[in-house]
N, C-alpha and C. Protein backbone atom coordinates (compact mmCIF):
# COMPACT_ATOMS: atom_id res chain seq x y z
N MET A 1 -15.42 -35.93 5.35
CA MET A 1 -14.98 -34.57 4.98
C MET A 1 -15.93 -34.22 3.69
N SER A 2 -16.38 -32.83 3.98
CA SER A 2 -17.27 -32.35 2.90
C SER A 2 -16.76 -32.39 1.66
N ASN A 3 -17.74 -32.20 0.77
CA ASN A 3 -17.20 -31.97 -0.81
C ASN A 3 -16.19 -30.75 -0.99
N HIS A 4 -16.67 -29.76 -0.21
CA HIS A 4 -15.98 -28.52 -0.33
C HIS A 4 -14.53 -28.78 0.40
N ALA A 5 -14.31 -29.35 1.55
CA ALA A 5 -13.06 -29.72 2.22
C ALA A 5 -12.16 -30.70 1.30
N ALA A 6 -12.78 -31.63 0.58
CA ALA A 6 -12.15 -32.53 -0.20
C ALA A 6 -11.57 -31.78 -1.46
N SER A 7 -12.31 -30.93 -1.97
CA SER A 7 -11.98 -30.18 -3.03
C SER A 7 -10.64 -29.24 -2.68
N ALA A 8 -10.86 -28.61 -1.62
CA ALA A 8 -9.82 -27.73 -1.13
C ALA A 8 -8.43 -28.55 -1.04
N ALA A 9 -8.72 -29.70 -0.22
CA ALA A 9 -7.50 -30.50 0.11
C ALA A 9 -6.82 -30.97 -1.25
N THR A 10 -7.68 -31.36 -2.32
CA THR A 10 -7.02 -31.80 -3.54
C THR A 10 -6.37 -30.65 -4.29
N HIS A 11 -6.81 -29.47 -4.19
CA HIS A 11 -6.24 -28.38 -4.75
C HIS A 11 -4.89 -28.02 -4.39
N MET A 12 -4.87 -28.01 -2.94
CA MET A 12 -3.59 -27.52 -2.06
C MET A 12 -2.62 -28.76 -2.43
N ASP A 13 -3.14 -30.04 -2.42
CA ASP A 13 -2.07 -31.17 -2.72
C ASP A 13 -1.55 -30.92 -4.04
N GLN A 14 -2.32 -30.53 -5.04
CA GLN A 14 -1.88 -30.28 -6.42
C GLN A 14 -0.78 -29.27 -6.54
N ILE A 15 -0.98 -28.17 -5.62
CA ILE A 15 -0.04 -27.04 -5.78
C ILE A 15 1.33 -27.45 -4.93
N TYR A 16 1.24 -28.09 -3.87
CA TYR A 16 2.34 -28.30 -3.12
C TYR A 16 2.98 -29.63 -3.04
N ARG A 17 2.48 -30.67 -4.03
CA ARG A 17 2.98 -31.99 -3.97
C ARG A 17 4.47 -31.93 -4.06
N PHE A 18 5.01 -30.88 -5.00
CA PHE A 18 6.36 -31.07 -5.30
C PHE A 18 7.03 -29.83 -4.49
N GLN A 19 6.52 -28.65 -4.41
CA GLN A 19 6.75 -27.59 -3.93
C GLN A 19 7.14 -27.63 -2.35
N ARG A 20 6.48 -28.41 -1.62
CA ARG A 20 6.62 -28.90 -0.17
C ARG A 20 8.02 -29.00 0.08
N HIS A 21 8.90 -29.81 -0.94
CA HIS A 21 10.06 -30.11 -0.52
C HIS A 21 11.21 -28.85 -0.63
N ILE A 22 10.78 -27.67 -1.28
CA ILE A 22 11.72 -26.51 -1.36
C ILE A 22 10.98 -25.40 -0.74
N TYR A 23 9.59 -25.52 -0.33
CA TYR A 23 8.99 -24.48 0.22
C TYR A 23 9.63 -23.44 1.22
N ASP A 24 10.10 -24.06 2.30
CA ASP A 24 10.81 -23.06 3.37
C ASP A 24 11.83 -22.40 2.68
N PHE A 25 12.80 -22.85 1.87
CA PHE A 25 13.75 -22.42 1.23
C PHE A 25 13.38 -21.19 0.41
N THR A 26 12.45 -21.52 -0.56
CA THR A 26 12.03 -20.41 -1.62
C THR A 26 11.06 -19.27 -0.99
N ARG A 27 10.50 -19.78 0.15
CA ARG A 27 9.26 -18.51 0.64
C ARG A 27 10.13 -17.70 1.54
N LYS A 28 11.31 -18.03 2.29
CA LYS A 28 11.98 -17.23 3.29
C LYS A 28 11.99 -15.70 2.81
N PRO A 29 12.60 -15.39 1.44
CA PRO A 29 12.71 -14.22 1.08
C PRO A 29 11.52 -13.30 1.01
N TYR A 30 10.30 -13.89 0.82
CA TYR A 30 9.32 -13.10 0.73
C TYR A 30 7.98 -13.21 1.58
N LEU A 31 8.06 -14.33 2.57
CA LEU A 31 6.99 -14.40 3.44
C LEU A 31 7.49 -13.62 4.78
N LEU A 32 7.42 -12.32 4.74
CA LEU A 32 7.88 -11.49 5.80
C LEU A 32 7.09 -11.31 6.84
N GLY A 33 7.65 -11.22 8.07
CA GLY A 33 6.65 -10.92 9.27
C GLY A 33 6.50 -11.98 10.07
N ARG A 34 6.69 -13.29 9.74
CA ARG A 34 6.47 -14.51 10.43
C ARG A 34 7.40 -14.55 11.71
N ASP A 35 8.48 -14.18 11.56
CA ASP A 35 9.31 -14.21 12.92
C ASP A 35 8.90 -13.04 13.93
N LYS A 36 8.35 -11.99 13.42
CA LYS A 36 7.89 -11.02 14.31
C LYS A 36 6.57 -11.61 15.08
N LEU A 37 5.80 -12.21 14.18
CA LEU A 37 4.40 -12.80 14.87
C LEU A 37 4.97 -13.82 16.04
N ILE A 38 5.86 -14.68 15.76
CA ILE A 38 6.27 -15.74 16.54
C ILE A 38 6.84 -15.09 17.85
N SER A 39 7.74 -14.05 17.74
CA SER A 39 8.31 -13.33 18.82
C SER A 39 7.30 -12.68 19.82
N GLU A 40 6.06 -12.32 19.09
CA GLU A 40 5.08 -11.53 20.03
C GLU A 40 4.03 -12.48 20.48
N LEU A 41 4.02 -13.80 20.54
CA LEU A 41 3.03 -14.78 20.78
C LEU A 41 2.94 -14.66 22.40
N ASP A 42 4.14 -14.70 23.13
CA ASP A 42 4.18 -14.48 24.55
C ASP A 42 3.41 -15.58 25.23
N VAL A 43 3.82 -16.83 24.91
CA VAL A 43 3.01 -18.08 25.34
C VAL A 43 3.13 -18.21 26.73
N PRO A 44 1.86 -18.32 27.57
CA PRO A 44 2.02 -18.55 29.05
C PRO A 44 2.28 -20.04 29.31
N ASN A 45 2.89 -20.19 30.46
CA ASN A 45 3.48 -21.57 31.00
C ASN A 45 2.31 -22.60 30.70
N GLY A 46 2.57 -23.45 30.17
CA GLY A 46 1.51 -24.80 29.91
C GLY A 46 0.48 -24.25 28.87
N GLY A 47 0.65 -23.12 28.11
CA GLY A 47 -0.39 -22.57 27.18
C GLY A 47 -0.63 -23.61 26.02
N HIS A 48 -1.60 -23.34 25.46
CA HIS A 48 -1.89 -24.13 24.22
C HIS A 48 -1.85 -23.37 23.02
N VAL A 49 -1.10 -23.57 21.97
CA VAL A 49 -0.83 -22.69 20.92
C VAL A 49 -1.40 -23.46 19.56
N LEU A 50 -2.07 -22.89 18.86
CA LEU A 50 -2.72 -23.45 17.69
C LEU A 50 -2.25 -22.70 16.43
N GLU A 51 -1.63 -23.35 15.40
CA GLU A 51 -1.56 -22.77 13.98
C GLU A 51 -2.46 -23.56 13.08
N ILE A 52 -3.25 -22.38 12.38
CA ILE A 52 -4.26 -22.68 11.42
C ILE A 52 -3.41 -22.83 10.09
N ALA A 53 -3.57 -23.96 9.25
CA ALA A 53 -2.93 -24.05 8.06
C ALA A 53 -1.38 -24.13 8.40
N CYS A 54 -0.83 -25.12 9.00
CA CYS A 54 0.46 -24.98 9.53
C CYS A 54 1.51 -25.41 8.37
N GLY A 55 0.94 -25.86 7.22
CA GLY A 55 1.89 -26.18 6.11
C GLY A 55 3.06 -27.02 6.42
N THR A 56 4.28 -26.57 6.11
CA THR A 56 5.37 -27.41 6.34
C THR A 56 5.86 -27.63 8.00
N GLY A 57 5.32 -26.82 8.92
CA GLY A 57 5.55 -26.92 10.14
C GLY A 57 6.52 -26.02 10.46
N ARG A 58 7.08 -25.18 9.65
CA ARG A 58 8.21 -24.18 9.99
C ARG A 58 7.93 -23.46 10.98
N ASN A 59 6.87 -22.84 10.94
CA ASN A 59 6.30 -21.76 12.06
C ASN A 59 6.08 -22.41 13.39
N LEU A 60 5.52 -23.56 13.29
CA LEU A 60 5.13 -24.26 14.53
C LEU A 60 6.20 -24.63 15.18
N ILE A 61 7.40 -25.22 14.54
CA ILE A 61 8.48 -25.65 15.24
C ILE A 61 9.23 -24.31 15.75
N SER A 62 9.40 -23.24 15.04
CA SER A 62 9.98 -22.16 15.46
C SER A 62 9.41 -21.61 16.85
N ALA A 63 8.04 -21.67 16.88
CA ALA A 63 7.20 -21.33 17.98
C ALA A 63 7.45 -22.13 19.28
N ALA A 64 7.70 -23.56 18.95
CA ALA A 64 7.91 -24.47 20.02
C ALA A 64 9.32 -24.39 20.52
N ARG A 65 10.04 -23.98 19.70
CA ARG A 65 11.53 -23.68 20.16
C ARG A 65 11.67 -22.40 21.01
N THR A 66 10.94 -21.44 20.63
CA THR A 66 10.85 -20.20 21.34
C THR A 66 10.20 -20.29 22.66
N TYR A 67 9.14 -20.99 22.72
CA TYR A 67 8.36 -21.19 24.03
C TYR A 67 8.39 -22.68 24.35
N PRO A 68 9.49 -23.20 24.89
CA PRO A 68 9.50 -24.59 25.53
C PRO A 68 8.59 -25.04 26.55
N HIS A 69 7.92 -24.01 27.12
CA HIS A 69 6.88 -24.38 28.16
C HIS A 69 5.56 -24.62 27.64
N GLY A 70 5.16 -24.48 26.23
CA GLY A 70 3.99 -24.53 25.84
C GLY A 70 3.64 -25.90 25.00
N ASN A 71 2.32 -26.08 24.73
CA ASN A 71 1.82 -27.27 23.85
C ASN A 71 1.52 -26.84 22.59
N PHE A 72 1.76 -27.35 21.46
CA PHE A 72 1.49 -26.79 20.23
C PHE A 72 0.82 -27.79 19.31
N TYR A 73 -0.08 -27.24 18.54
CA TYR A 73 -1.00 -27.73 17.66
C TYR A 73 -1.04 -27.29 16.17
N GLY A 74 -1.12 -27.98 15.33
CA GLY A 74 -1.04 -27.48 13.87
C GLY A 74 -2.02 -28.37 13.11
N PHE A 75 -2.65 -27.76 12.20
CA PHE A 75 -3.52 -28.62 11.15
C PHE A 75 -3.42 -28.01 9.78
N ASP A 76 -3.69 -28.73 8.74
CA ASP A 76 -3.66 -28.29 7.47
C ASP A 76 -4.61 -29.11 6.62
N VAL A 77 -5.13 -28.53 5.44
CA VAL A 77 -5.95 -29.30 4.65
C VAL A 77 -5.21 -30.11 3.58
N SER A 78 -3.90 -29.75 3.44
CA SER A 78 -2.92 -30.63 2.52
C SER A 78 -2.46 -31.73 3.20
N THR A 79 -2.60 -32.99 2.78
CA THR A 79 -1.96 -34.24 3.25
C THR A 79 -0.46 -34.09 2.82
N GLU A 80 -0.06 -33.54 1.71
CA GLU A 80 1.23 -33.33 1.27
C GLU A 80 2.02 -32.55 2.22
N MET A 81 1.47 -31.33 2.53
CA MET A 81 2.08 -30.52 3.61
C MET A 81 2.33 -31.23 4.83
N LEU A 82 1.35 -31.74 5.21
CA LEU A 82 1.16 -32.40 6.72
C LEU A 82 2.42 -33.55 6.70
N GLU A 83 2.69 -34.28 5.57
CA GLU A 83 3.67 -35.30 5.60
C GLU A 83 5.17 -34.56 5.72
N THR A 84 5.37 -33.40 5.16
CA THR A 84 6.43 -32.65 5.30
C THR A 84 6.61 -32.24 6.85
N ALA A 85 5.52 -31.59 7.27
CA ALA A 85 5.48 -31.25 8.64
C ALA A 85 5.87 -32.13 9.72
N ALA A 86 5.29 -33.42 9.42
CA ALA A 86 5.31 -34.51 10.33
C ALA A 86 6.81 -34.74 10.50
N PHE A 87 7.46 -34.94 9.18
CA PHE A 87 8.98 -35.33 9.07
C PHE A 87 9.78 -34.25 9.84
N SER A 88 9.51 -33.04 9.63
CA SER A 88 10.35 -31.80 10.28
C SER A 88 10.05 -31.86 11.78
N VAL A 89 8.89 -32.10 12.15
CA VAL A 89 8.65 -32.05 13.53
C VAL A 89 9.54 -33.30 14.21
N GLU A 90 9.39 -34.32 13.73
CA GLU A 90 10.24 -35.63 14.06
C GLU A 90 11.74 -35.30 14.32
N ARG A 91 12.16 -34.72 13.26
CA ARG A 91 13.50 -34.36 13.02
C ARG A 91 14.01 -33.35 14.13
N SER A 92 12.94 -32.43 14.37
CA SER A 92 13.37 -31.30 15.38
C SER A 92 13.48 -31.85 16.83
N GLY A 93 12.90 -33.04 16.92
CA GLY A 93 12.94 -33.56 18.45
C GLY A 93 11.70 -32.88 19.26
N LEU A 94 10.66 -32.34 18.70
CA LEU A 94 9.74 -31.69 19.31
C LEU A 94 8.54 -32.37 19.22
N ARG A 95 8.32 -33.74 18.98
CA ARG A 95 7.19 -34.51 18.82
C ARG A 95 6.39 -34.65 20.22
N GLN A 96 7.10 -34.45 21.31
CA GLN A 96 6.43 -34.52 22.67
C GLN A 96 5.43 -33.37 22.83
N CYS A 97 5.92 -32.17 22.33
CA CYS A 97 5.01 -31.17 22.53
C CYS A 97 4.25 -30.63 21.43
N THR A 98 4.16 -31.20 20.26
CA THR A 98 3.72 -30.66 18.97
C THR A 98 2.90 -31.99 18.39
N ARG A 99 1.55 -31.56 18.08
CA ARG A 99 0.56 -32.40 17.54
C ARG A 99 0.10 -31.90 16.29
N LEU A 100 0.04 -32.79 15.15
CA LEU A 100 -0.51 -32.26 13.91
C LEU A 100 -1.80 -33.18 13.58
N ALA A 101 -2.49 -32.62 12.65
CA ALA A 101 -3.72 -33.26 12.17
C ALA A 101 -4.39 -32.73 10.97
N HIS A 102 -5.02 -33.45 10.08
CA HIS A 102 -5.66 -33.10 8.78
C HIS A 102 -6.94 -32.63 9.18
N ALA A 103 -7.17 -31.35 8.77
CA ALA A 103 -8.53 -30.67 9.17
C ALA A 103 -8.76 -29.54 8.09
N ASP A 104 -10.03 -29.13 8.08
CA ASP A 104 -10.53 -28.03 7.08
C ASP A 104 -10.72 -26.92 8.14
N ALA A 105 -9.97 -25.47 7.83
CA ALA A 105 -10.17 -24.38 8.58
C ALA A 105 -11.45 -23.94 8.75
N LEU A 106 -12.42 -24.23 7.74
CA LEU A 106 -13.67 -23.77 7.66
C LEU A 106 -14.77 -24.43 8.70
N LYS A 107 -14.27 -25.79 9.02
CA LYS A 107 -15.05 -26.56 10.08
C LYS A 107 -14.28 -27.11 11.24
N PHE A 108 -13.20 -26.33 11.54
CA PHE A 108 -12.33 -26.82 12.67
C PHE A 108 -12.97 -26.91 13.88
N ASP A 109 -12.81 -28.02 14.56
CA ASP A 109 -13.35 -28.31 16.01
C ASP A 109 -12.20 -28.68 16.81
N GLY A 110 -11.61 -27.91 17.78
CA GLY A 110 -10.47 -28.48 18.45
C GLY A 110 -10.63 -29.58 19.34
N GLU A 111 -11.97 -29.56 19.93
CA GLU A 111 -12.20 -30.77 20.89
C GLU A 111 -12.24 -32.05 19.95
N ARG A 112 -12.72 -31.88 18.75
CA ARG A 112 -12.81 -33.22 18.02
C ARG A 112 -11.46 -33.70 17.64
N VAL A 113 -10.67 -32.57 16.92
CA VAL A 113 -9.53 -32.82 16.45
C VAL A 113 -8.34 -33.23 17.34
N PHE A 114 -8.35 -32.30 18.34
CA PHE A 114 -7.09 -32.53 19.40
C PHE A 114 -7.44 -32.84 20.86
N GLY A 115 -9.01 -32.92 21.02
CA GLY A 115 -9.17 -33.12 22.43
C GLY A 115 -8.98 -31.60 23.20
N GLN A 116 -8.91 -30.45 22.48
CA GLN A 116 -8.66 -29.19 23.13
C GLN A 116 -9.72 -28.26 22.65
N ALA A 117 -10.59 -27.90 23.35
CA ALA A 117 -11.64 -27.03 22.82
C ALA A 117 -11.20 -25.46 22.72
N GLN A 118 -10.25 -25.04 23.64
CA GLN A 118 -9.94 -23.66 23.46
C GLN A 118 -8.34 -23.56 23.59
N PHE A 119 -7.84 -22.49 22.99
CA PHE A 119 -6.51 -22.22 22.67
C PHE A 119 -6.01 -20.79 23.31
N ASP A 120 -4.92 -20.82 23.92
CA ASP A 120 -4.29 -19.36 24.53
C ASP A 120 -3.93 -18.65 23.38
N ARG A 121 -3.22 -19.16 22.27
CA ARG A 121 -2.73 -18.56 21.24
C ARG A 121 -3.05 -19.00 20.01
N ILE A 122 -3.68 -18.39 19.11
CA ILE A 122 -3.97 -19.04 17.76
C ILE A 122 -3.21 -18.08 16.51
N PHE A 123 -2.59 -18.74 15.67
CA PHE A 123 -1.94 -17.73 14.68
C PHE A 123 -2.08 -18.38 13.21
N ILE A 124 -2.20 -17.55 12.29
CA ILE A 124 -2.32 -17.86 10.74
C ILE A 124 -1.33 -16.98 10.15
N SER A 125 -0.32 -17.75 9.46
CA SER A 125 0.74 -17.04 8.71
C SER A 125 0.58 -17.24 7.28
N TYR A 126 0.04 -16.33 6.51
CA TYR A 126 0.10 -16.36 4.95
C TYR A 126 -0.76 -17.35 4.56
N ALA A 127 -1.75 -17.52 5.16
CA ALA A 127 -2.73 -18.56 4.85
C ALA A 127 -4.17 -18.13 4.24
N LEU A 128 -4.66 -17.01 5.03
CA LEU A 128 -5.96 -16.27 4.68
C LEU A 128 -5.92 -15.93 3.15
N SER A 129 -4.99 -15.60 2.58
CA SER A 129 -4.75 -15.04 1.24
C SER A 129 -4.86 -16.35 0.36
N MET A 130 -4.99 -17.53 0.86
CA MET A 130 -5.43 -18.71 0.03
C MET A 130 -6.59 -19.27 0.25
N ILE A 131 -7.43 -18.80 1.24
CA ILE A 131 -8.70 -19.28 1.77
C ILE A 131 -9.85 -18.41 1.17
N PRO A 132 -10.67 -18.89 0.09
CA PRO A 132 -11.85 -18.06 -0.33
C PRO A 132 -12.53 -17.64 0.69
N LYS A 133 -13.07 -18.30 1.82
CA LYS A 133 -14.04 -18.03 2.61
C LYS A 133 -13.25 -17.70 4.00
N TRP A 134 -12.28 -16.86 3.73
CA TRP A 134 -11.40 -16.44 4.96
C TRP A 134 -11.96 -15.59 5.97
N GLN A 135 -13.20 -14.99 5.81
CA GLN A 135 -13.90 -14.19 6.97
C GLN A 135 -14.51 -15.35 7.83
N GLN A 136 -14.96 -16.49 7.27
CA GLN A 136 -15.44 -17.59 8.25
C GLN A 136 -14.35 -18.08 8.87
N VAL A 137 -13.21 -18.44 8.40
CA VAL A 137 -12.00 -18.95 9.17
C VAL A 137 -11.67 -18.13 10.34
N LEU A 138 -11.87 -16.74 10.20
CA LEU A 138 -11.58 -15.89 11.31
C LEU A 138 -12.57 -16.04 12.52
N GLN A 139 -13.72 -16.29 12.09
CA GLN A 139 -14.93 -16.36 12.99
C GLN A 139 -14.84 -17.47 13.81
N GLN A 140 -14.21 -18.67 13.15
CA GLN A 140 -14.11 -20.03 13.60
C GLN A 140 -12.89 -19.88 14.69
N ALA A 141 -11.93 -19.17 14.15
CA ALA A 141 -10.68 -19.00 15.06
C ALA A 141 -11.02 -18.21 16.41
N ILE A 142 -11.80 -17.19 16.19
CA ILE A 142 -12.17 -16.51 17.49
C ILE A 142 -13.03 -17.24 18.37
N GLY A 143 -13.72 -18.10 17.71
CA GLY A 143 -14.75 -19.13 18.69
C GLY A 143 -13.83 -20.00 19.46
N SER A 144 -12.46 -20.44 19.21
CA SER A 144 -11.77 -21.31 19.69
C SER A 144 -10.76 -20.63 20.70
N LEU A 145 -10.92 -19.18 20.82
CA LEU A 145 -9.94 -18.64 21.85
C LEU A 145 -10.33 -18.92 23.24
N ALA A 146 -9.34 -18.90 24.09
CA ALA A 146 -9.72 -19.15 25.59
C ALA A 146 -9.70 -17.65 26.00
N PRO A 147 -10.44 -17.48 27.13
CA PRO A 147 -10.53 -16.02 27.88
C PRO A 147 -8.89 -15.58 28.00
N GLY A 148 -8.81 -14.49 27.48
CA GLY A 148 -7.47 -13.86 27.71
C GLY A 148 -6.46 -14.31 26.52
N GLY A 149 -7.17 -15.12 25.57
CA GLY A 149 -6.26 -15.47 24.56
C GLY A 149 -6.19 -14.46 23.31
N SER A 150 -5.32 -14.81 22.37
CA SER A 150 -5.09 -13.85 21.47
C SER A 150 -4.85 -14.50 20.01
N LEU A 151 -5.43 -13.88 18.88
CA LEU A 151 -5.32 -14.50 17.59
C LEU A 151 -4.30 -13.42 16.87
N HIS A 152 -3.27 -14.01 16.19
CA HIS A 152 -2.24 -13.37 15.48
C HIS A 152 -2.31 -13.72 13.98
N ILE A 153 -2.14 -12.78 13.19
CA ILE A 153 -2.16 -12.95 11.73
C ILE A 153 -1.17 -12.17 11.10
N VAL A 154 -0.40 -12.77 10.05
CA VAL A 154 0.48 -12.12 9.16
C VAL A 154 0.10 -12.59 7.71
N ASP A 155 0.12 -11.65 6.85
CA ASP A 155 -0.21 -12.04 5.51
C ASP A 155 0.07 -10.81 4.58
N PHE A 156 0.05 -11.04 3.21
CA PHE A 156 0.17 -9.91 2.39
C PHE A 156 -0.82 -8.96 2.56
N HIS A 157 -0.17 -7.68 2.35
CA HIS A 157 -1.04 -6.38 2.42
C HIS A 157 -1.24 -5.93 0.82
N HIS A 158 -1.76 -4.69 0.73
CA HIS A 158 -2.19 -4.22 -0.38
C HIS A 158 -1.03 -3.61 -1.32
N GLN A 159 0.20 -3.42 -0.72
CA GLN A 159 1.38 -2.92 -1.43
C GLN A 159 1.27 -1.72 -2.17
N ARG A 160 0.51 -0.90 -1.62
CA ARG A 160 0.19 0.59 -2.35
C ARG A 160 1.48 1.61 -2.29
N LYS A 161 2.37 1.36 -1.35
CA LYS A 161 3.43 2.14 -1.27
C LYS A 161 4.62 1.45 -1.98
N MET A 162 4.50 0.30 -2.53
CA MET A 162 5.45 -0.24 -3.38
C MET A 162 5.38 0.09 -4.93
N PRO A 163 6.47 0.32 -5.55
CA PRO A 163 6.48 0.59 -7.12
C PRO A 163 5.33 -0.05 -7.84
N SER A 164 4.76 0.40 -8.78
CA SER A 164 3.70 -0.21 -9.53
C SER A 164 4.29 -1.48 -10.21
N TRP A 165 5.36 -1.31 -10.69
CA TRP A 165 6.14 -2.68 -11.31
C TRP A 165 6.13 -3.84 -10.45
N PHE A 166 6.53 -3.40 -9.33
CA PHE A 166 6.74 -4.56 -8.28
C PHE A 166 5.40 -5.17 -7.84
N ARG A 167 4.48 -4.27 -7.51
CA ARG A 167 3.14 -4.80 -7.16
C ARG A 167 2.51 -5.52 -8.17
N GLY A 168 2.60 -5.13 -9.42
CA GLY A 168 1.91 -5.90 -10.59
C GLY A 168 2.43 -7.11 -10.68
N GLY A 169 3.89 -7.20 -10.50
CA GLY A 169 4.67 -8.43 -10.82
C GLY A 169 4.21 -9.50 -9.63
N LEU A 170 4.33 -8.90 -8.31
CA LEU A 170 4.05 -9.72 -7.35
C LEU A 170 2.64 -10.47 -7.36
N LEU A 171 1.55 -9.49 -7.75
CA LEU A 171 0.24 -10.10 -7.73
C LEU A 171 0.06 -11.03 -8.84
N THR A 172 0.83 -11.11 -9.84
CA THR A 172 0.68 -11.92 -11.11
C THR A 172 1.37 -13.20 -10.39
N TRP A 173 2.35 -13.14 -9.96
CA TRP A 173 3.20 -14.37 -9.36
C TRP A 173 2.26 -14.93 -8.32
N LEU A 174 1.59 -14.23 -7.45
CA LEU A 174 0.84 -14.93 -6.33
C LEU A 174 -0.35 -15.72 -6.87
N LEU A 175 -0.98 -15.25 -7.92
CA LEU A 175 -2.12 -15.67 -8.52
C LEU A 175 -1.80 -17.15 -9.08
N LYS A 176 -0.59 -17.49 -9.32
CA LYS A 176 -0.15 -18.86 -9.94
C LYS A 176 -0.38 -19.64 -8.62
N PHE A 177 -0.23 -19.37 -7.56
CA PHE A 177 -0.47 -20.28 -6.32
C PHE A 177 -1.80 -19.96 -5.69
N SER A 178 -2.96 -19.50 -6.21
CA SER A 178 -4.12 -19.20 -5.71
C SER A 178 -4.06 -18.36 -4.67
N VAL A 179 -3.22 -17.14 -4.66
CA VAL A 179 -3.07 -16.29 -3.40
C VAL A 179 -3.59 -14.91 -3.83
N THR A 180 -4.52 -14.50 -2.96
CA THR A 180 -4.84 -13.11 -3.24
C THR A 180 -4.98 -12.29 -1.96
N PRO A 181 -4.11 -11.22 -2.01
CA PRO A 181 -4.04 -10.40 -0.59
C PRO A 181 -5.39 -10.04 -0.11
N ARG A 182 -5.74 -10.09 1.04
CA ARG A 182 -6.95 -9.67 1.58
C ARG A 182 -6.99 -8.29 2.23
N VAL A 183 -7.14 -7.27 1.02
CA VAL A 183 -7.07 -5.97 1.48
C VAL A 183 -8.15 -5.37 2.53
N GLU A 184 -9.08 -6.39 2.58
CA GLU A 184 -10.26 -5.85 3.63
C GLU A 184 -9.95 -6.45 5.13
N LEU A 185 -8.78 -7.00 5.31
CA LEU A 185 -8.48 -7.88 6.50
C LEU A 185 -8.75 -6.98 7.72
N GLY A 186 -7.92 -5.84 7.70
CA GLY A 186 -7.94 -4.89 8.83
C GLY A 186 -9.37 -4.48 9.27
N PRO A 187 -10.13 -3.79 8.40
CA PRO A 187 -11.39 -3.47 8.57
C PRO A 187 -12.47 -4.54 9.01
N PHE A 188 -12.22 -5.55 8.52
CA PHE A 188 -13.19 -6.78 9.05
C PHE A 188 -12.74 -7.18 10.22
N MET A 189 -11.48 -7.16 10.60
CA MET A 189 -11.04 -7.76 11.96
C MET A 189 -11.52 -6.66 13.19
N GLU A 190 -11.46 -5.36 12.69
CA GLU A 190 -11.83 -4.27 13.58
C GLU A 190 -13.28 -4.59 14.07
N ARG A 191 -14.08 -4.77 12.91
CA ARG A 191 -15.58 -5.00 13.31
C ARG A 191 -15.75 -6.31 14.30
N LEU A 192 -15.06 -7.36 13.91
CA LEU A 192 -14.92 -8.55 14.75
C LEU A 192 -14.66 -8.20 16.29
N ALA A 193 -13.70 -7.38 16.17
CA ALA A 193 -13.21 -6.85 17.73
C ALA A 193 -14.17 -6.22 18.54
N LYS A 194 -14.92 -5.25 17.79
CA LYS A 194 -15.97 -4.38 18.28
C LYS A 194 -17.07 -5.44 18.69
N ASP A 195 -17.50 -6.20 17.75
CA ASP A 195 -18.71 -7.17 18.24
C ASP A 195 -18.43 -8.02 19.42
N ASP A 196 -17.16 -8.48 19.69
CA ASP A 196 -16.95 -9.28 20.76
C ASP A 196 -16.09 -8.59 21.79
N ALA A 197 -16.10 -7.27 21.92
CA ALA A 197 -15.57 -6.55 22.87
C ALA A 197 -13.88 -7.04 23.18
N MET A 198 -13.20 -7.25 21.96
CA MET A 198 -11.89 -7.37 22.08
C MET A 198 -11.08 -6.30 21.74
N SER A 199 -9.63 -6.27 22.15
CA SER A 199 -8.72 -5.45 21.68
C SER A 199 -8.07 -5.83 20.36
N PHE A 200 -7.72 -4.82 19.60
CA PHE A 200 -7.36 -5.00 18.17
C PHE A 200 -6.17 -3.97 17.77
N ARG A 201 -5.11 -4.71 17.16
CA ARG A 201 -4.00 -3.99 16.78
C ARG A 201 -3.71 -4.39 15.38
N PHE A 202 -3.52 -3.45 14.55
CA PHE A 202 -3.16 -3.53 13.24
C PHE A 202 -1.92 -2.96 12.75
N GLU A 203 -0.87 -3.64 12.05
CA GLU A 203 0.13 -2.82 11.64
C GLU A 203 0.49 -3.18 10.12
N SER A 204 0.80 -2.07 9.32
CA SER A 204 1.28 -2.50 7.98
C SER A 204 2.83 -2.59 8.09
N LEU A 205 3.57 -3.60 7.54
CA LEU A 205 4.81 -3.87 7.31
C LEU A 205 5.52 -3.62 6.15
N TYR A 206 6.70 -3.17 6.09
CA TYR A 206 7.52 -3.18 4.88
C TYR A 206 6.79 -2.50 3.94
N ASN A 207 6.47 -1.11 4.08
CA ASN A 207 5.93 -0.44 3.04
C ASN A 207 4.51 -0.97 2.38
N ASP A 208 3.64 -1.64 3.27
CA ASP A 208 2.48 -2.19 2.85
C ASP A 208 2.78 -3.49 2.08
N TYR A 209 3.89 -3.91 2.16
CA TYR A 209 3.96 -5.37 1.66
C TYR A 209 3.16 -6.27 2.27
N ALA A 210 3.18 -6.32 3.63
CA ALA A 210 2.51 -7.37 4.45
C ALA A 210 1.79 -6.50 5.66
N CYS A 211 1.04 -7.26 6.30
CA CYS A 211 0.40 -6.76 7.41
C CYS A 211 0.45 -7.60 8.67
N TYR A 212 0.11 -7.18 9.86
CA TYR A 212 0.18 -7.96 11.11
C TYR A 212 -0.93 -7.47 11.80
N ALA A 213 -1.72 -8.37 12.39
CA ALA A 213 -2.90 -8.11 13.10
C ALA A 213 -2.83 -8.94 14.42
N VAL A 214 -3.51 -8.38 15.46
CA VAL A 214 -3.72 -9.06 16.70
C VAL A 214 -4.98 -8.66 17.29
N LEU A 215 -5.88 -9.76 17.61
CA LEU A 215 -7.17 -9.67 18.34
C LEU A 215 -6.86 -10.53 19.60
N ARG A 216 -7.27 -9.61 20.73
CA ARG A 216 -7.01 -10.18 22.08
C ARG A 216 -8.28 -10.40 22.81
N ARG A 217 -8.74 -11.62 23.40
CA ARG A 217 -10.15 -11.65 23.98
C ARG A 217 -9.84 -11.29 25.59
N PRO A 218 -10.69 -10.46 26.12
CA PRO A 218 -10.56 -10.19 27.68
C PRO A 218 -10.72 -11.34 28.33
N GLN A 219 -10.12 -11.37 29.70
CA GLN A 219 -10.12 -12.50 30.59
C GLN A 219 -11.66 -12.77 31.09
């Protein structure tokens, strides 16, 4: 593992060493849009689905239950989170169709990590806002998309339609966890879509609280 990856892993482990035990319960009220993302994955029969930065495995398990005909893969840079994810996958009874791995999103190689070079669906839920080099992660993800595949992202938006007191309080709280909303996400993804002749859809959710974006590669 590179020095950067090791540093990122250590940082994430420090943040989530204890929080991982209460993460899903405490994040449910404000990590909005995750279920919308899962409901729109539309996984094809036998399709391969990858979650980048899978955390506790909450989303991966939900997706596997929603699309029982798919194959699911998740990786994270935090070994602490992966420990919780592995326990959750085992308890859910979905171990046969779900694989987990320790990997860095900046240098992810599906063939090396999972023996799967391309994926029909890739999704990232509230993780880009924690990754400083998030643009590089998006480019890596696009490179792993199969023909006809799609990349789905949900994350914090700029909250400009929210009351100033709410926005200020939220941003202060998020900084405690190294979270920074990527207000440039939409324009950046639109440029990526044009460069690779992909279709692109971007939605602001809940009065600009969150955003949802989809890139789709042609067949």
